[in-house]
Amino acid sequence: NERYGWIELRKKIFAVIAEEFALRSSIG
């Protein structure tokens, strides 16, 4: 197991936010 660094966590949170907004709105 490798550690999740802050940069990886930022990428992950951006991906989650983008996916959820895209799923429920008119923006891709």
PDB file of all heavy atoms in Angstrom:
ATOM      1  N   ASN A   1       0.838  -1.198   0.000  1.00  0.00           N
ATOM      2  CA  ASN A   1       0.000   0.000   0.000  1.00  0.00           C
ATOM      3  C   ASN A   1       0.870   1.243   0.000  1.00  0.00           C
ATOM      4  O   ASN A   1       1.775   1.379   0.800  1.00  0.00           O
ATOM      5  CB  ASN A   1      -0.905   0.045   1.242  1.00  0.00           C
ATOM      6  CG  ASN A   1      -2.062  -0.904   1.134  1.00  0.00           C
ATOM      7  OD1 ASN A   1      -2.461  -1.272   0.040  1.00  0.00           O
ATOM      8  ND2 ASN A   1      -2.602  -1.306   2.261  1.00  0.00           N
ATOM      9  N   GLU A   2       0.566   2.166  -0.915  1.00  0.00           N
ATOM     10  CA  GLU A   2       1.243   3.453  -0.943  1.00  0.00           C
ATOM     11  C   GLU A   2       0.323   4.485  -0.319  1.00  0.00           C
ATOM     12  O   GLU A   2      -0.886   4.332  -0.312  1.00  0.00           O
ATOM     13  CB  GLU A   2       1.557   3.847  -2.388  1.00  0.00           C
ATOM     14  CG  GLU A   2       2.489   2.878  -3.095  1.00  0.00           C
ATOM     15  CD  GLU A   2       2.668   3.258  -4.547  1.00  0.00           C
ATOM     16  OE1 GLU A   2       2.811   4.463  -4.829  1.00  0.00           O
ATOM     17  OE2 GLU A   2       2.647   2.356  -5.381  1.00  0.00           O
ATOM     18  N   ARG A   3       0.898   5.543   0.175  1.00  0.00           N
ATOM     19  CA  ARG A   3       0.100   6.598   0.796  1.00  0.00           C
ATOM     20  C   ARG A   3      -0.536   7.492  -0.264  1.00  0.00           C
ATOM     21  O   ARG A   3       0.051   7.765  -1.284  1.00  0.00           O
ATOM     22  CB  ARG A   3       0.976   7.456   1.706  1.00  0.00           C
ATOM     23  CG  ARG A   3       1.511   6.704   2.894  1.00  0.00           C
ATOM     24  CD  ARG A   3       2.324   7.609   3.794  1.00  0.00           C
ATOM     25  NE  ARG A   3       1.550   8.693   4.338  1.00  0.00           N
ATOM     26  CZ  ARG A   3       0.750   8.618   5.390  1.00  0.00           C
ATOM     27  NH1 ARG A   3       0.601   7.485   6.012  1.00  0.00           N
ATOM     28  NH2 ARG A   3       0.109   9.672   5.830  1.00  0.00           N
ATOM     29  N   TYR A   4      -1.761   7.919   0.018  1.00  0.00           N
ATOM     30  CA  TYR A   4      -2.391   8.945  -0.808  1.00  0.00           C
ATOM     31  C   TYR A   4      -1.847  10.280  -0.344  1.00  0.00           C
ATOM     32  O   TYR A   4      -2.002  10.640   0.824  1.00  0.00           O
ATOM     33  CB  TYR A   4      -3.920   8.959  -0.611  1.00  0.00           C
ATOM     34  CG  TYR A   4      -4.676   8.120  -1.598  1.00  0.00           C
ATOM     35  CD1 TYR A   4      -4.949   6.791  -1.343  1.00  0.00           C
ATOM     36  CD2 TYR A   4      -5.114   8.669  -2.792  1.00  0.00           C
ATOM     37  CE1 TYR A   4      -5.649   6.026  -2.256  1.00  0.00           C
ATOM     38  CE2 TYR A   4      -5.818   7.915  -3.706  1.00  0.00           C
ATOM     39  CZ  TYR A   4      -6.084   6.591  -3.431  1.00  0.00           C
ATOM     40  OH  TYR A   4      -6.783   5.850  -4.333  1.00  0.00           O
ATOM     41  N   GLY A   5      -1.221  11.016  -1.214  1.00  0.00           N
ATOM     42  CA  GLY A   5      -0.724  12.338  -0.875  1.00  0.00           C
ATOM     43  C   GLY A   5      -1.800  13.393  -1.095  1.00  0.00           C
ATOM     44  O   GLY A   5      -2.866  13.127  -1.660  1.00  0.00           O
ATOM     45  N   TRP A   6      -1.497  14.609  -0.662  1.00  0.00           N
ATOM     46  CA  TRP A   6      -2.455  15.709  -0.775  1.00  0.00           C
ATOM     47  C   TRP A   6      -2.830  15.969  -2.227  1.00  0.00           C
ATOM     48  O   TRP A   6      -3.992  16.226  -2.548  1.00  0.00           O
ATOM     49  CB  TRP A   6      -1.882  16.956  -0.104  1.00  0.00           C
ATOM     50  CG  TRP A   6      -2.913  18.003   0.145  1.00  0.00           C
ATOM     51  CD1 TRP A   6      -3.072  19.174  -0.530  1.00  0.00           C
ATOM     52  CD2 TRP A   6      -3.955  17.978   1.133  1.00  0.00           C
ATOM     53  NE1 TRP A   6      -4.138  19.881  -0.030  1.00  0.00           N
ATOM     54  CE2 TRP A   6      -4.694  19.169   0.993  1.00  0.00           C
ATOM     55  CE3 TRP A   6      -4.328  17.063   2.110  1.00  0.00           C
ATOM     56  CZ2 TRP A   6      -5.786  19.466   1.800  1.00  0.00           C
ATOM     57  CZ3 TRP A   6      -5.414  17.376   2.919  1.00  0.00           C
ATOM     58  CH2 TRP A   6      -6.117  18.561   2.749  1.00  0.00           C
ATOM     59  N   ILE A   7      -1.864  15.894  -3.135  1.00  0.00           N
ATOM     60  CA  ILE A   7      -2.137  16.150  -4.552  1.00  0.00           C
ATOM     61  C   ILE A   7      -3.104  15.102  -5.096  1.00  0.00           C
ATOM     62  O   ILE A   7      -4.047  15.429  -5.823  1.00  0.00           O
ATOM     63  CB  ILE A   7      -0.825  16.191  -5.365  1.00  0.00           C
ATOM     64  CG1 ILE A   7      -0.023  17.432  -4.971  1.00  0.00           C
ATOM     65  CG2 ILE A   7      -1.100  16.180  -6.863  1.00  0.00           C
ATOM     66  CD1 ILE A   7       1.374  17.488  -5.536  1.00  0.00           C
ATOM     67  N   GLU A   8      -2.893  13.843  -4.740  1.00  0.00           N
ATOM     68  CA  GLU A   8      -3.809  12.792  -5.192  1.00  0.00           C
ATOM     69  C   GLU A   8      -5.201  12.966  -4.606  1.00  0.00           C
ATOM     70  O   GLU A   8      -6.200  12.742  -5.279  1.00  0.00           O
ATOM     71  CB  GLU A   8      -3.253  11.418  -4.812  1.00  0.00           C
ATOM     72  CG  GLU A   8      -2.003  11.052  -5.584  1.00  0.00           C
ATOM     73  CD  GLU A   8      -1.334   9.824  -5.013  1.00  0.00           C
ATOM     74  OE1 GLU A   8      -1.013   9.839  -3.804  1.00  0.00           O
ATOM     75  OE2 GLU A   8      -1.156   8.874  -5.776  1.00  0.00           O
ATOM     76  N   LEU A   9      -5.267  13.369  -3.342  1.00  0.00           N
ATOM     77  CA  LEU A   9      -6.571  13.611  -2.720  1.00  0.00           C
ATOM     78  C   LEU A   9      -7.282  14.779  -3.394  1.00  0.00           C
ATOM     79  O   LEU A   9      -8.506  14.740  -3.594  1.00  0.00           O
ATOM     80  CB  LEU A   9      -6.414  13.871  -1.219  1.00  0.00           C
ATOM     81  CG  LEU A   9      -6.032  12.649  -0.386  1.00  0.00           C
ATOM     82  CD1 LEU A   9      -5.670  13.075   1.034  1.00  0.00           C
ATOM     83  CD2 LEU A   9      -7.138  11.615  -0.372  1.00  0.00           C
ATOM     84  N   ARG A  10      -6.546  15.807  -3.766  1.00  0.00           N
ATOM     85  CA  ARG A  10      -7.151  16.940  -4.493  1.00  0.00           C
ATOM     86  C   ARG A  10      -7.727  16.483  -5.829  1.00  0.00           C
ATOM     87  O   ARG A  10      -8.828  16.860  -6.203  1.00  0.00           O
ATOM     88  CB  ARG A  10      -6.138  18.066  -4.701  1.00  0.00           C
ATOM     89  CG  ARG A  10      -5.927  18.939  -3.487  1.00  0.00           C
ATOM     90  CD  ARG A  10      -4.890  20.022  -3.765  1.00  0.00           C
ATOM     91  NE  ARG A  10      -5.199  20.763  -4.981  1.00  0.00           N
ATOM     92  CZ  ARG A  10      -5.726  21.981  -5.014  1.00  0.00           C
ATOM     93  NH1 ARG A  10      -6.005  22.595  -3.895  1.00  0.00           N
ATOM     94  NH2 ARG A  10      -5.959  22.581  -6.158  1.00  0.00           N
ATOM     95  N   LYS A  11      -6.963  15.678  -6.549  1.00  0.00           N
ATOM     96  CA  LYS A  11      -7.453  15.160  -7.838  1.00  0.00           C
ATOM     97  C   LYS A  11      -8.717  14.339  -7.629  1.00  0.00           C
ATOM     98  O   LYS A  11      -9.669  14.435  -8.401  1.00  0.00           O
ATOM     99  CB  LYS A  11      -6.383  14.304  -8.511  1.00  0.00           C
ATOM    100  CG  LYS A  11      -5.243  15.095  -9.074  1.00  0.00           C
ATOM    101  CD  LYS A  11      -4.203  14.186  -9.706  1.00  0.00           C
ATOM    102  CE  LYS A  11      -3.008  14.964 -10.176  1.00  0.00           C
ATOM    103  NZ  LYS A  11      -1.950  14.083 -10.699  1.00  0.00           N
ATOM    104  N   LYS A  12      -8.733  13.538  -6.590  1.00  0.00           N
ATOM    105  CA  LYS A  12      -9.888  12.683  -6.306  1.00  0.00           C
ATOM    106  C   LYS A  12     -11.113  13.523  -5.940  1.00  0.00           C
ATOM    107  O   LYS A  12     -12.208  13.263  -6.436  1.00  0.00           O
ATOM    108  CB  LYS A  12      -9.546  11.706  -5.185  1.00  0.00           C
ATOM    109  CG  LYS A  12     -10.607  10.661  -4.947  1.00  0.00           C
ATOM    110  CD  LYS A  12     -10.085   9.560  -4.049  1.00  0.00           C
ATOM    111  CE  LYS A  12     -11.117   8.486  -3.801  1.00  0.00           C
ATOM    112  NZ  LYS A  12     -11.476   7.709  -4.979  1.00  0.00           N
ATOM    113  N   ILE A  13     -10.941  14.546  -5.105  1.00  0.00           N
ATOM    114  CA  ILE A  13     -12.093  15.373  -4.722  1.00  0.00           C
ATOM    115  C   ILE A  13     -12.609  16.161  -5.921  1.00  0.00           C
ATOM    116  O   ILE A  13     -13.815  16.292  -6.118  1.00  0.00           O
ATOM    117  CB  ILE A  13     -11.786  16.293  -3.514  1.00  0.00           C
ATOM    118  CG1 ILE A  13     -13.083  16.857  -2.912  1.00  0.00           C
ATOM    119  CG2 ILE A  13     -10.877  17.447  -3.876  1.00  0.00           C
ATOM    120  CD1 ILE A  13     -13.903  15.890  -2.167  1.00  0.00           C
ATOM    121  N   PHE A  14     -11.714  16.667  -6.771  1.00  0.00           N
ATOM    122  CA  PHE A  14     -12.156  17.367  -7.985  1.00  0.00           C
ATOM    123  C   PHE A  14     -12.949  16.426  -8.880  1.00  0.00           C
ATOM    124  O   PHE A  14     -13.976  16.811  -9.450  1.00  0.00           O
ATOM    125  CB  PHE A  14     -10.972  17.935  -8.763  1.00  0.00           C
ATOM    126  CG  PHE A  14     -10.356  19.165  -8.159  1.00  0.00           C
ATOM    127  CD1 PHE A  14      -8.999  19.393  -8.292  1.00  0.00           C
ATOM    128  CD2 PHE A  14     -11.109  20.095  -7.463  1.00  0.00           C
ATOM    129  CE1 PHE A  14      -8.409  20.527  -7.750  1.00  0.00           C
ATOM    130  CE2 PHE A  14     -10.527  21.233  -6.918  1.00  0.00           C
ATOM    131  CZ  PHE A  14      -9.170  21.449  -7.068  1.00  0.00           C
ATOM    132  N   ALA A  15     -12.496  15.186  -9.014  1.00  0.00           N
ATOM    133  CA  ALA A  15     -13.198  14.211  -9.859  1.00  0.00           C
ATOM    134  C   ALA A  15     -14.595  13.919  -9.308  1.00  0.00           C
ATOM    135  O   ALA A  15     -15.571  13.888 -10.063  1.00  0.00           O
ATOM    136  CB  ALA A  15     -12.386  12.929  -9.971  1.00  0.00           C
ATOM    137  N   VAL A  16     -14.701  13.719  -8.017  1.00  0.00           N
ATOM    138  CA  VAL A  16     -16.000  13.440  -7.392  1.00  0.00           C
ATOM    139  C   VAL A  16     -16.956  14.613  -7.597  1.00  0.00           C
ATOM    140  O   VAL A  16     -18.115  14.423  -7.994  1.00  0.00           O
ATOM    141  CB  VAL A  16     -15.829  13.127  -5.887  1.00  0.00           C
ATOM    142  CG1 VAL A  16     -17.158  13.191  -5.150  1.00  0.00           C
ATOM    143  CG2 VAL A  16     -15.177  11.765  -5.700  1.00  0.00           C
ATOM    144  N   ILE A  17     -16.485  15.815  -7.336  1.00  0.00           N
ATOM    145  CA  ILE A  17     -17.336  16.995  -7.491  1.00  0.00           C
ATOM    146  C   ILE A  17     -17.790  17.136  -8.938  1.00  0.00           C
ATOM    147  O   ILE A  17     -18.971  17.352  -9.217  1.00  0.00           O
ATOM    148  CB  ILE A  17     -16.606  18.262  -6.998  1.00  0.00           C
ATOM    149  CG1 ILE A  17     -16.396  18.191  -5.484  1.00  0.00           C
ATOM    150  CG2 ILE A  17     -17.392  19.518  -7.380  1.00  0.00           C
ATOM    151  CD1 ILE A  17     -15.457  19.264  -4.938  1.00  0.00           C
ATOM    152  N   ALA A  18     -16.867  17.011  -9.885  1.00  0.00           N
ATOM    153  CA  ALA A  18     -17.206  17.137 -11.306  1.00  0.00           C
ATOM    154  C   ALA A  18     -18.219  16.078 -11.727  1.00  0.00           C
ATOM    155  O   ALA A  18     -19.190  16.385 -12.437  1.00  0.00           O
ATOM    156  CB  ALA A  18     -15.947  17.035 -12.159  1.00  0.00           C
ATOM    157  N   GLU A  19     -18.007  14.845 -11.303  1.00  0.00           N
ATOM    158  CA  GLU A  19     -18.929  13.764 -11.665  1.00  0.00           C
ATOM    159  C   GLU A  19     -20.327  14.026 -11.130  1.00  0.00           C
ATOM    160  O   GLU A  19     -21.315  13.843 -11.847  1.00  0.00           O
ATOM    161  CB  GLU A  19     -18.415  12.426 -11.126  1.00  0.00           C
ATOM    162  CG  GLU A  19     -17.201  11.912 -11.850  1.00  0.00           C
ATOM    163  CD  GLU A  19     -16.509  10.763 -11.119  1.00  0.00           C
ATOM    164  OE1 GLU A  19     -17.090  10.214 -10.142  1.00  0.00           O
ATOM    165  OE2 GLU A  19     -15.383  10.415 -11.512  1.00  0.00           O
ATOM    166  N   GLU A  20     -20.434  14.438  -9.891  1.00  0.00           N
ATOM    167  CA  GLU A  20     -21.758  14.644  -9.286  1.00  0.00           C
ATOM    168  C   GLU A  20     -22.493  15.832  -9.912  1.00  0.00           C
ATOM    169  O   GLU A  20     -23.694  15.769 -10.132  1.00  0.00           O
ATOM    170  CB  GLU A  20     -21.646  14.784  -7.774  1.00  0.00           C
ATOM    171  CG  GLU A  20     -21.192  13.514  -7.078  1.00  0.00           C
ATOM    172  CD  GLU A  20     -22.043  12.285  -7.384  1.00  0.00           C
ATOM    173  OE1 GLU A  20     -23.250  12.418  -7.679  1.00  0.00           O
ATOM    174  OE2 GLU A  20     -21.493  11.174  -7.334  1.00  0.00           O
ATOM    175  N   PHE A  21     -21.769  16.910 -10.207  1.00  0.00           N
ATOM    176  CA  PHE A  21     -22.431  18.042 -10.870  1.00  0.00           C
ATOM    177  C   PHE A  21     -22.850  17.645 -12.283  1.00  0.00           C
ATOM    178  O   PHE A  21     -23.947  17.988 -12.731  1.00  0.00           O
ATOM    179  CB  PHE A  21     -21.532  19.279 -10.883  1.00  0.00           C
ATOM    180  CG  PHE A  21     -21.689  20.137  -9.665  1.00  0.00           C
ATOM    181  CD1 PHE A  21     -20.854  19.979  -8.577  1.00  0.00           C
ATOM    182  CD2 PHE A  21     -22.679  21.103  -9.593  1.00  0.00           C
ATOM    183  CE1 PHE A  21     -20.991  20.760  -7.435  1.00  0.00           C
ATOM    184  CE2 PHE A  21     -22.839  21.892  -8.464  1.00  0.00           C
ATOM    185  CZ  PHE A  21     -21.993  21.721  -7.384  1.00  0.00           C
ATOM    186  N   ALA A  22     -22.009  16.911 -12.995  1.00  0.00           N
ATOM    187  CA  ALA A  22     -22.333  16.513 -14.365  1.00  0.00           C
ATOM    188  C   ALA A  22     -23.525  15.557 -14.404  1.00  0.00           C
ATOM    189  O   ALA A  22     -24.352  15.637 -15.313  1.00  0.00           O
ATOM    190  CB  ALA A  22     -21.112  15.870 -15.022  1.00  0.00           C
ATOM    191  N   LEU A  23     -23.632  14.677 -13.421  1.00  0.00           N
ATOM    192  CA  LEU A  23     -24.737  13.715 -13.390  1.00  0.00           C
ATOM    193  C   LEU A  23     -26.095  14.376 -13.184  1.00  0.00           C
ATOM    194  O   LEU A  23     -27.112  13.856 -13.642  1.00  0.00           O
ATOM    195  CB  LEU A  23     -24.525  12.702 -12.258  1.00  0.00           C
ATOM    196  CG  LEU A  23     -23.532  11.590 -12.517  1.00  0.00           C
ATOM    197  CD1 LEU A  23     -23.268  10.810 -11.233  1.00  0.00           C
ATOM    198  CD2 LEU A  23     -24.042  10.661 -13.610  1.00  0.00           C
ATOM    199  N   ARG A  24     -26.117  15.507 -12.494  1.00  0.00           N
ATOM    200  CA  ARG A  24     -27.394  16.096 -12.089  1.00  0.00           C
ATOM    201  C   ARG A  24     -27.656  17.482 -12.667  1.00  0.00           C
ATOM    202  O   ARG A  24     -28.522  18.194 -12.186  1.00  0.00           O
ATOM    203  CB  ARG A  24     -27.456  16.160 -10.565  1.00  0.00           C
ATOM    204  CG  ARG A  24     -27.509  14.794  -9.925  1.00  0.00           C
ATOM    205  CD  ARG A  24     -27.394  14.884  -8.424  1.00  0.00           C
ATOM    206  NE  ARG A  24     -27.534  13.588  -7.804  1.00  0.00           N
ATOM    207  CZ  ARG A  24     -26.553  12.693  -7.712  1.00  0.00           C
ATOM    208  NH1 ARG A  24     -25.361  12.959  -8.206  1.00  0.00           N
ATOM    209  NH2 ARG A  24     -26.757  11.524  -7.128  1.00  0.00           N
ATOM    210  N   SER A  25     -26.882  17.877 -13.659  1.00  0.00           N
ATOM    211  CA  SER A  25     -27.076  19.216 -14.208  1.00  0.00           C
ATOM    212  C   SER A  25     -26.867  19.204 -15.715  1.00  0.00           C
ATOM    213  O   SER A  25     -26.660  18.156 -16.313  1.00  0.00           O
ATOM    214  CB  SER A  25     -26.097  20.199 -13.550  1.00  0.00           C
ATOM    215  OG  SER A  25     -24.772  19.911 -13.957  1.00  0.00           O
ATOM    216  N   SER A  26     -26.881  20.384 -16.285  1.00  0.00           N
ATOM    217  CA  SER A  26     -26.744  20.497 -17.736  1.00  0.00           C
ATOM    218  C   SER A  26     -25.303  20.765 -18.167  1.00  0.00           C
ATOM    219  O   SER A  26     -25.073  21.180 -19.295  1.00  0.00           O
ATOM    220  CB  SER A  26     -27.664  21.609 -18.250  1.00  0.00           C
ATOM    221  OG  SER A  26     -27.283  22.848 -17.676  1.00  0.00           O
ATOM    222  N   ILE A  27     -24.338  20.500 -17.307  1.00  0.00           N
ATOM    223  CA  ILE A  27     -22.936  20.703 -17.676  1.00  0.00           C
ATOM    224  C   ILE A  27     -22.238  19.351 -17.766  1.00  0.00           C
ATOM    225  O   ILE A  27     -22.429  18.489 -16.912  1.00  0.00           O
ATOM    226  CB  ILE A  27     -22.201  21.635 -16.680  1.00  0.00           C
ATOM    227  CG1 ILE A  27     -20.801  21.984 -17.193  1.00  0.00           C
ATOM    228  CG2 ILE A  27     -22.131  21.021 -15.287  1.00  0.00           C
ATOM    229  CD1 ILE A  27     -20.118  23.093 -16.417  1.00  0.00           C
ATOM    230  N   GLY A  28     -21.468  19.177 -18.818  1.00  0.00           N
ATOM    231  CA  GLY A  28     -20.711  17.945 -18.967  1.00  0.00           C
ATOM    232  C   GLY A  28     -19.473  17.965 -18.080  1.00  0.00           C
ATOM    233  O   GLY A  28     -18.966  19.028 -17.704  1.00  0.00           O
TER     234      GLY A  28
END
